[in-house]
């Protein structure tokens, strides 16, 4: 979590969006965002919050991809540092 944005990755979550992705929640807003390029797969976030999430994804892309592989296999993921 950073700047009020909750970042989630679910186990076995490769059915609806087959691309590696994260889920971001901010207030009533929920979005699924691709790890590879920051594309919004579904939902929405306020524009300023979306830019923060996309910047965080870019900084932590390798860690996120490693966690994605663990999560879709049902294994525990590693925590990733928040955006500071």
Protein backbone atom coordinates (compact mmCIF):
# COMPACT_ATOMS: atom_id res chain seq x y z
CA UNK A 1 0.00 0.00 0.00
CA UNK A 2 1.22 3.49 -0.84
CA UNK A 3 -0.47 6.90 -1.08
CA UNK A 4 -3.76 5.27 -0.08
CA UNK A 5 -3.57 2.78 -2.97
CA UNK A 6 -3.86 -0.90 -2.08
CA UNK A 7 -1.97 -3.22 -4.45
CA UNK A 8 -3.07 -6.86 -4.66
CA UNK A 9 -2.06 -9.99 -6.50
CA UNK A 10 -4.33 -13.04 -6.27
CA UNK A 11 -3.46 -16.73 -6.36
CA UNK A 12 -4.44 -18.58 -9.56
CA UNK A 13 -5.52 -15.26 -11.15
CA UNK A 14 -4.71 -16.00 -14.79
CA UNK A 15 -8.18 -16.91 -16.09
CA UNK A 16 -9.99 -13.60 -16.77
CA UNK A 17 -6.87 -11.65 -17.74
CA UNK A 18 -4.28 -14.08 -19.00
CA UNK A 19 -1.64 -11.34 -19.00
CA UNK A 20 0.41 -10.86 -15.84
CA UNK A 21 -1.30 -8.11 -13.85
CA UNK A 22 -1.96 -6.53 -10.47
CA UNK A 23 -5.11 -5.19 -8.89
CA UNK A 24 -5.14 -1.67 -7.47
CA UNK A 25 -7.81 -0.25 -5.17
CA UNK A 26 -8.27 3.35 -4.12
CA UNK A 27 -11.49 4.23 -2.33
CA UNK A 28 -14.35 2.97 -4.51
CA UNK A 29 -12.07 2.61 -7.55
CA UNK A 30 -10.69 -0.78 -8.58
CA UNK A 31 -8.48 -1.53 -11.59
CA UNK A 32 -6.53 -4.43 -13.07
CA UNK A 33 -3.26 -3.25 -14.62
CA UNK A 34 -0.83 -5.20 -16.82
CA UNK A 35 2.67 -5.60 -15.40
CA UNK A 36 4.40 -5.60 -18.79
CA UNK A 37 3.29 -2.17 -19.97
CA UNK A 38 0.98 -0.61 -17.35
CA UNK A 39 -2.08 -0.96 -19.58
CA UNK A 40 -5.44 -0.82 -17.79
CA UNK A 41 -7.12 -4.18 -18.34
CA UNK A 42 -10.32 -3.34 -16.47
CA UNK A 43 -11.73 -0.79 -14.07
CA UNK A 44 -10.32 2.62 -13.30
CA UNK A 45 -8.42 4.76 -10.82
CA UNK A 46 -8.23 8.54 -10.57
CA UNK A 47 -5.65 9.69 -13.15
CA UNK A 48 -3.07 10.91 -10.60
CA UNK A 49 -3.26 7.62 -8.67
CA UNK A 50 -3.02 5.61 -11.89
CA UNK A 51 0.21 7.43 -12.79
CA UNK A 52 1.65 6.53 -9.38
CA UNK A 53 0.73 2.86 -9.84
CA UNK A 54 2.17 2.77 -13.36
CA UNK A 55 5.42 4.36 -12.13
CA UNK A 56 5.62 1.79 -9.31
CA UNK A 57 5.04 -1.04 -11.79
CA UNK A 58 7.85 0.24 -14.01
CA UNK A 59 10.26 0.44 -11.05
CA UNK A 60 9.39 -3.05 -9.77
CA UNK A 61 8.61 -4.88 -13.01
CA UNK A 62 11.10 -7.73 -12.44
CA UNK A 63 9.91 -8.33 -8.87
CA UNK A 64 6.28 -8.21 -9.97
CA UNK A 65 6.87 -10.76 -12.74
CA UNK A 66 8.59 -13.08 -10.26
CA UNK A 67 5.67 -12.69 -7.84
CA UNK A 68 3.18 -13.29 -10.68
CA UNK A 69 4.78 -16.66 -11.44
CA UNK A 70 4.54 -17.61 -7.77
CA UNK A 71 0.95 -16.40 -7.40
CA UNK A 72 -0.46 -18.25 -10.42
CA UNK A 73 1.18 -21.41 -9.07
CA UNK A 74 -0.53 -20.85 -5.72
CA UNK A 75 2.70 -20.10 -3.88
CA UNK A 76 3.27 -17.22 -1.44
CA UNK A 77 4.59 -14.01 -2.99
CA UNK A 78 7.26 -11.66 -1.70
CA UNK A 79 6.39 -8.17 -0.47
CA UNK A 80 7.56 -5.36 -2.72
CA UNK A 81 8.59 -1.94 -1.38
CA UNK A 82 5.99 0.80 -1.74
CA UNK A 83 6.48 3.91 -3.83
CA UNK A 84 8.21 6.58 -1.72
